[in-house]
Amino acid sequence: LENLPANLPTEILQFRDEVIEQLN
């Protein structure tokens, strides 16, 4: 998930960050 491209829509990136935070 950290390796996903950074030029995705902000909604997807924010949701990805939520999942990463839970995974941490």
PDB file of all heavy atoms in Angstrom:
ATOM      1  N   LEU A   1       0.825  -1.211   0.000  1.00  0.00           N
ATOM      2  CA  LEU A   1       0.000   0.000   0.000  1.00  0.00           C
ATOM      3  C   LEU A   1       0.855   1.255   0.000  1.00  0.00           C
ATOM      4  O   LEU A   1       0.489   2.263  -0.607  1.00  0.00           O
ATOM      5  CB  LEU A   1      -0.941   0.002   1.210  1.00  0.00           C
ATOM      6  CG  LEU A   1      -2.058  -1.036   1.183  1.00  0.00           C
ATOM      7  CD1 LEU A   1      -2.888  -0.937   2.448  1.00  0.00           C
ATOM      8  CD2 LEU A   1      -2.936  -0.859  -0.036  1.00  0.00           C
ATOM      9  N   GLU A   2       1.980   1.196   0.669  1.00  0.00           N
ATOM     10  CA  GLU A   2       2.889   2.348   0.656  1.00  0.00           C
ATOM     11  C   GLU A   2       3.499   2.557  -0.723  1.00  0.00           C
ATOM     12  O   GLU A   2       3.915   3.664  -1.061  1.00  0.00           O
ATOM     13  CB  GLU A   2       3.981   2.170   1.704  1.00  0.00           C
ATOM     14  CG  GLU A   2       3.468   2.300   3.122  1.00  0.00           C
ATOM     15  CD  GLU A   2       4.497   1.929   4.170  1.00  0.00           C
ATOM     16  OE1 GLU A   2       5.528   1.319   3.809  1.00  0.00           O
ATOM     17  OE2 GLU A   2       4.254   2.245   5.339  1.00  0.00           O
ATOM     18  N   ASN A   3       3.548   1.507  -1.538  1.00  0.00           N
ATOM     19  CA  ASN A   3       4.131   1.604  -2.877  1.00  0.00           C
ATOM     20  C   ASN A   3       3.124   2.004  -3.948  1.00  0.00           C
ATOM     21  O   ASN A   3       3.479   2.058  -5.131  1.00  0.00           O
ATOM     22  CB  ASN A   3       4.766   0.263  -3.277  1.00  0.00           C
ATOM     23  CG  ASN A   3       6.005  -0.020  -2.470  1.00  0.00           C
ATOM     24  OD1 ASN A   3       6.624   0.880  -1.914  1.00  0.00           O
ATOM     25  ND2 ASN A   3       6.366  -1.287  -2.377  1.00  0.00           N
ATOM     26  N   LEU A   4       1.879   2.277  -3.561  1.00  0.00           N
ATOM     27  CA  LEU A   4       0.912   2.751  -4.554  1.00  0.00           C
ATOM     28  C   LEU A   4       1.376   4.094  -5.111  1.00  0.00           C
ATOM     29  O   LEU A   4       1.971   4.896  -4.385  1.00  0.00           O
ATOM     30  CB  LEU A   4      -0.464   2.915  -3.920  1.00  0.00           C
ATOM     31  CG  LEU A   4      -1.352   1.686  -3.873  1.00  0.00           C
ATOM     32  CD1 LEU A   4      -2.635   1.991  -3.113  1.00  0.00           C
ATOM     33  CD2 LEU A   4      -1.679   1.194  -5.254  1.00  0.00           C
ATOM     34  N   PRO A   5       1.114   4.346  -6.380  1.00  0.00           N
ATOM     35  CA  PRO A   5       1.517   5.628  -6.961  1.00  0.00           C
ATOM     36  C   PRO A   5       0.893   6.809  -6.220  1.00  0.00           C
ATOM     37  O   PRO A   5      -0.229   6.725  -5.722  1.00  0.00           O
ATOM     38  CB  PRO A   5       0.993   5.551  -8.394  1.00  0.00           C
ATOM     39  CG  PRO A   5       0.816   4.108  -8.679  1.00  0.00           C
ATOM     40  CD  PRO A   5       0.494   3.460  -7.371  1.00  0.00           C
ATOM     41  N   ALA A   6       1.623   7.899  -6.176  1.00  0.00           N
ATOM     42  CA  ALA A   6       1.172   9.080  -5.433  1.00  0.00           C
ATOM     43  C   ALA A   6       0.200   9.955  -6.235  1.00  0.00           C
ATOM     44  O   ALA A   6      -0.419  10.834  -5.661  1.00  0.00           O
ATOM     45  CB  ALA A   6       2.380   9.915  -5.015  1.00  0.00           C
ATOM     46  N   ASN A   7       0.058   9.689  -7.514  1.00  0.00           N
ATOM     47  CA  ASN A   7      -0.818  10.537  -8.327  1.00  0.00           C
ATOM     48  C   ASN A   7      -2.220   9.939  -8.488  1.00  0.00           C
ATOM     49  O   ASN A   7      -2.884  10.155  -9.490  1.00  0.00           O
ATOM     50  CB  ASN A   7      -0.185  10.842  -9.688  1.00  0.00           C
ATOM     51  CG  ASN A   7       0.253   9.596 -10.410  1.00  0.00           C
ATOM     52  OD1 ASN A   7       0.294   8.518  -9.835  1.00  0.00           O
ATOM     53  ND2 ASN A   7       0.591   9.741 -11.673  1.00  0.00           N
ATOM     54  N   LEU A   8      -2.680   9.227  -7.481  1.00  0.00           N
ATOM     55  CA  LEU A   8      -4.053   8.729  -7.446  1.00  0.00           C
ATOM     56  C   LEU A   8      -4.959   9.817  -6.873  1.00  0.00           C
ATOM     57  O   LEU A   8      -4.467  10.774  -6.273  1.00  0.00           O
ATOM     58  CB  LEU A   8      -4.129   7.475  -6.572  1.00  0.00           C
ATOM     59  CG  LEU A   8      -3.431   6.226  -7.116  1.00  0.00           C
ATOM     60  CD1 LEU A   8      -3.350   5.164  -6.050  1.00  0.00           C
ATOM     61  CD2 LEU A   8      -4.161   5.711  -8.332  1.00  0.00           C
ATOM     62  N   PRO A   9      -6.266   9.685  -7.003  1.00  0.00           N
ATOM     63  CA  PRO A   9      -7.167  10.687  -6.414  1.00  0.00           C
ATOM     64  C   PRO A   9      -6.998  10.757  -4.885  1.00  0.00           C
ATOM     65  O   PRO A   9      -6.651   9.770  -4.238  1.00  0.00           O
ATOM     66  CB  PRO A   9      -8.565  10.166  -6.771  1.00  0.00           C
ATOM     67  CG  PRO A   9      -8.359   9.256  -7.918  1.00  0.00           C
ATOM     68  CD  PRO A   9      -6.995   8.689  -7.785  1.00  0.00           C
ATOM     69  N   THR A  10      -7.250  11.918  -4.347  1.00  0.00           N
ATOM     70  CA  THR A  10      -7.021  12.138  -2.912  1.00  0.00           C
ATOM     71  C   THR A  10      -7.904  11.242  -2.046  1.00  0.00           C
ATOM     72  O   THR A  10      -7.483  10.836  -0.970  1.00  0.00           O
ATOM     73  CB  THR A  10      -7.261  13.608  -2.532  1.00  0.00           C
ATOM     74  OG1 THR A  10      -8.566  13.989  -2.926  1.00  0.00           O
ATOM     75  CG2 THR A  10      -6.230  14.505  -3.178  1.00  0.00           C
ATOM     76  N   GLU A  11      -9.120  10.909  -2.500  1.00  0.00           N
ATOM     77  CA  GLU A  11      -9.990  10.039  -1.707  1.00  0.00           C
ATOM     78  C   GLU A  11      -9.361   8.663  -1.529  1.00  0.00           C
ATOM     79  O   GLU A  11      -9.386   8.089  -0.442  1.00  0.00           O
ATOM     80  CB  GLU A  11     -11.371   9.886  -2.361  1.00  0.00           C
ATOM     81  CG  GLU A  11     -12.156  11.163  -2.507  1.00  0.00           C
ATOM     82  CD  GLU A  11     -11.811  11.914  -3.782  1.00  0.00           C
ATOM     83  OE1 GLU A  11     -11.317  11.313  -4.750  1.00  0.00           O
ATOM     84  OE2 GLU A  11     -12.030  13.140  -3.791  1.00  0.00           O
ATOM     85  N   ILE A  12      -8.802   8.146  -2.600  1.00  0.00           N
ATOM     86  CA  ILE A  12      -8.165   6.825  -2.536  1.00  0.00           C
ATOM     87  C   ILE A  12      -6.915   6.890  -1.669  1.00  0.00           C
ATOM     88  O   ILE A  12      -6.663   5.994  -0.852  1.00  0.00           O
ATOM     89  CB  ILE A  12      -7.844   6.307  -3.956  1.00  0.00           C
ATOM     90  CG1 ILE A  12      -9.151   5.998  -4.696  1.00  0.00           C
ATOM     91  CG2 ILE A  12      -6.958   5.070  -3.907  1.00  0.00           C
ATOM     92  CD1 ILE A  12      -8.980   5.555  -6.121  1.00  0.00           C
ATOM     93  N   LEU A  13      -6.136   7.951  -1.811  1.00  0.00           N
ATOM     94  CA  LEU A  13      -4.923   8.075  -1.000  1.00  0.00           C
ATOM     95  C   LEU A  13      -5.239   8.248   0.485  1.00  0.00           C
ATOM     96  O   LEU A  13      -4.551   7.689   1.341  1.00  0.00           O
ATOM     97  CB  LEU A  13      -4.068   9.235  -1.507  1.00  0.00           C
ATOM     98  CG  LEU A  13      -3.432   9.041  -2.882  1.00  0.00           C
ATOM     99  CD1 LEU A  13      -2.703  10.303  -3.303  1.00  0.00           C
ATOM    100  CD2 LEU A  13      -2.506   7.848  -2.886  1.00  0.00           C
ATOM    101  N   GLN A  14      -6.289   9.004   0.792  1.00  0.00           N
ATOM    102  CA  GLN A  14      -6.677   9.164   2.194  1.00  0.00           C
ATOM    103  C   GLN A  14      -7.165   7.847   2.777  1.00  0.00           C
ATOM    104  O   GLN A  14      -6.826   7.501   3.910  1.00  0.00           O
ATOM    105  CB  GLN A  14      -7.773  10.225   2.327  1.00  0.00           C
ATOM    106  CG  GLN A  14      -7.284  11.625   2.124  1.00  0.00           C
ATOM    107  CD  GLN A  14      -8.419  12.635   2.085  1.00  0.00           C
ATOM    108  OE1 GLN A  14      -9.582  12.280   1.968  1.00  0.00           O
ATOM    109  NE2 GLN A  14      -8.058  13.907   2.175  1.00  0.00           N
ATOM    110  N   PHE A  15      -7.934   7.111   2.002  1.00  0.00           N
ATOM    111  CA  PHE A  15      -8.415   5.813   2.475  1.00  0.00           C
ATOM    112  C   PHE A  15      -7.247   4.844   2.650  1.00  0.00           C
ATOM    113  O   PHE A  15      -7.189   4.078   3.615  1.00  0.00           O
ATOM    114  CB  PHE A  15      -9.454   5.268   1.495  1.00  0.00           C
ATOM    115  CG  PHE A  15     -10.265   4.149   2.049  1.00  0.00           C
ATOM    116  CD1 PHE A  15     -11.161   4.386   3.067  1.00  0.00           C
ATOM    117  CD2 PHE A  15     -10.125   2.873   1.567  1.00  0.00           C
ATOM    118  CE1 PHE A  15     -11.919   3.359   3.592  1.00  0.00           C
ATOM    119  CE2 PHE A  15     -10.870   1.832   2.089  1.00  0.00           C
ATOM    120  CZ  PHE A  15     -11.774   2.076   3.102  1.00  0.00           C
ATOM    121  N   ARG A  16      -6.286   4.906   1.722  1.00  0.00           N
ATOM    122  CA  ARG A  16      -5.081   4.073   1.844  1.00  0.00           C
ATOM    123  C   ARG A  16      -4.327   4.412   3.119  1.00  0.00           C
ATOM    124  O   ARG A  16      -3.863   3.529   3.833  1.00  0.00           O
ATOM    125  CB  ARG A  16      -4.178   4.301   0.634  1.00  0.00           C
ATOM    126  CG  ARG A  16      -2.873   3.504   0.722  1.00  0.00           C
ATOM    127  CD  ARG A  16      -1.799   4.084  -0.120  1.00  0.00           C
ATOM    128  NE  ARG A  16      -1.427   5.417   0.369  1.00  0.00           N
ATOM    129  CZ  ARG A  16      -0.456   6.128  -0.135  1.00  0.00           C
ATOM    130  NH1 ARG A  16       0.229   5.676  -1.152  1.00  0.00           N
ATOM    131  NH2 ARG A  16      -0.157   7.302   0.351  1.00  0.00           N
ATOM    132  N   ASP A  17      -4.225   5.704   3.428  1.00  0.00           N
ATOM    133  CA  ASP A  17      -3.526   6.114   4.648  1.00  0.00           C
ATOM    134  C   ASP A  17      -4.242   5.619   5.904  1.00  0.00           C
ATOM    135  O   ASP A  17      -3.596   5.254   6.887  1.00  0.00           O
ATOM    136  CB  ASP A  17      -3.379   7.634   4.684  1.00  0.00           C
ATOM    137  CG  ASP A  17      -2.437   8.147   3.602  1.00  0.00           C
ATOM    138  OD1 ASP A  17      -1.631   7.340   3.083  1.00  0.00           O
ATOM    139  OD2 ASP A  17      -2.518   9.347   3.273  1.00  0.00           O
ATOM    140  N   GLU A  18      -5.572   5.587   5.880  1.00  0.00           N
ATOM    141  CA  GLU A  18      -6.326   5.039   7.010  1.00  0.00           C
ATOM    142  C   GLU A  18      -6.006   3.562   7.213  1.00  0.00           C
ATOM    143  O   GLU A  18      -5.810   3.111   8.342  1.00  0.00           O
ATOM    144  CB  GLU A  18      -7.826   5.199   6.787  1.00  0.00           C
ATOM    145  CG  GLU A  18      -8.343   6.602   6.899  1.00  0.00           C
ATOM    146  CD  GLU A  18      -9.826   6.684   6.576  1.00  0.00           C
ATOM    147  OE1 GLU A  18     -10.526   5.645   6.686  1.00  0.00           O
ATOM    148  OE2 GLU A  18     -10.276   7.766   6.208  1.00  0.00           O
ATOM    149  N   VAL A  19      -5.963   2.824   6.114  1.00  0.00           N
ATOM    150  CA  VAL A  19      -5.667   1.392   6.205  1.00  0.00           C
ATOM    151  C   VAL A  19      -4.239   1.190   6.700  1.00  0.00           C
ATOM    152  O   VAL A  19      -3.979   0.323   7.557  1.00  0.00           O
ATOM    153  CB  VAL A  19      -5.897   0.701   4.843  1.00  0.00           C
ATOM    154  CG1 VAL A  19      -5.462  -0.752   4.892  1.00  0.00           C
ATOM    155  CG2 VAL A  19      -7.350   0.814   4.424  1.00  0.00           C
ATOM    156  N   ILE A  20      -3.298   1.984   6.208  1.00  0.00           N
ATOM    157  CA  ILE A  20      -1.907   1.869   6.649  1.00  0.00           C
ATOM    158  C   ILE A  20      -1.794   2.178   8.141  1.00  0.00           C
ATOM    159  O   ILE A  20      -1.052   1.510   8.871  1.00  0.00           O
ATOM    160  CB  ILE A  20      -0.990   2.784   5.809  1.00  0.00           C
ATOM    161  CG1 ILE A  20      -0.847   2.226   4.397  1.00  0.00           C
ATOM    162  CG2 ILE A  20       0.381   2.941   6.465  1.00  0.00           C
ATOM    163  CD1 ILE A  20      -0.085   3.116   3.455  1.00  0.00           C
ATOM    164  N   GLU A  21      -2.546   3.172   8.600  1.00  0.00           N
ATOM    165  CA  GLU A  21      -2.511   3.513  10.020  1.00  0.00           C
ATOM    166  C   GLU A  21      -3.015   2.348  10.879  1.00  0.00           C
ATOM    167  O   GLU A  21      -2.438   2.040  11.918  1.00  0.00           O
ATOM    168  CB  GLU A  21      -3.371   4.751  10.273  1.00  0.00           C
ATOM    169  CG  GLU A  21      -3.267   5.283  11.675  1.00  0.00           C
ATOM    170  CD  GLU A  21      -4.046   6.571  11.836  1.00  0.00           C
ATOM    171  OE1 GLU A  21      -4.004   7.417  10.921  1.00  0.00           O
ATOM    172  OE2 GLU A  21      -4.701   6.712  12.881  1.00  0.00           O
ATOM    173  N   GLN A  22      -4.073   1.680  10.427  1.00  0.00           N
ATOM    174  CA  GLN A  22      -4.558   0.519  11.154  1.00  0.00           C
ATOM    175  C   GLN A  22      -3.537  -0.615  11.106  1.00  0.00           C
ATOM    176  O   GLN A  22      -3.346  -1.316  12.087  1.00  0.00           O
ATOM    177  CB  GLN A  22      -5.878   0.021  10.576  1.00  0.00           C
ATOM    178  CG  GLN A  22      -7.088   0.622  11.224  1.00  0.00           C
ATOM    179  CD  GLN A  22      -8.356  -0.033  10.728  1.00  0.00           C
ATOM    180  OE1 GLN A  22      -8.582  -0.100   9.517  1.00  0.00           O
ATOM    181  NE2 GLN A  22      -9.175  -0.490  11.648  1.00  0.00           N
ATOM    182  N   LEU A  23      -2.898  -0.777   9.961  1.00  0.00           N
ATOM    183  CA  LEU A  23      -1.889  -1.832   9.835  1.00  0.00           C
ATOM    184  C   LEU A  23      -0.673  -1.569  10.701  1.00  0.00           C
ATOM    185  O   LEU A  23      -0.040  -2.519  11.178  1.00  0.00           O
ATOM    186  CB  LEU A  23      -1.480  -1.992   8.365  1.00  0.00           C
ATOM    187  CG  LEU A  23      -2.480  -2.674   7.475  1.00  0.00           C
ATOM    188  CD1 LEU A  23      -2.061  -2.549   6.016  1.00  0.00           C
ATOM    189  CD2 LEU A  23      -2.651  -4.130   7.844  1.00  0.00           C
ATOM    190  N   ASN A  24      -0.333  -0.304  10.917  1.00  0.00           N
ATOM    191  CA  ASN A  24       0.794   0.019  11.789  1.00  0.00           C
ATOM    192  C   ASN A  24       0.597  -0.546  13.184  1.00  0.00           C
ATOM    193  O   ASN A  24       1.546  -0.993  13.827  1.00  0.00           O
ATOM    194  CB  ASN A  24       1.003   1.538  11.875  1.00  0.00           C
ATOM    195  CG  ASN A  24       1.675   2.099  10.667  1.00  0.00           C
ATOM    196  OD1 ASN A  24       2.395   1.397   9.960  1.00  0.00           O
ATOM    197  ND2 ASN A  24       1.445   3.361  10.394  1.00  0.00           N
TER     198      ASN A  24
END
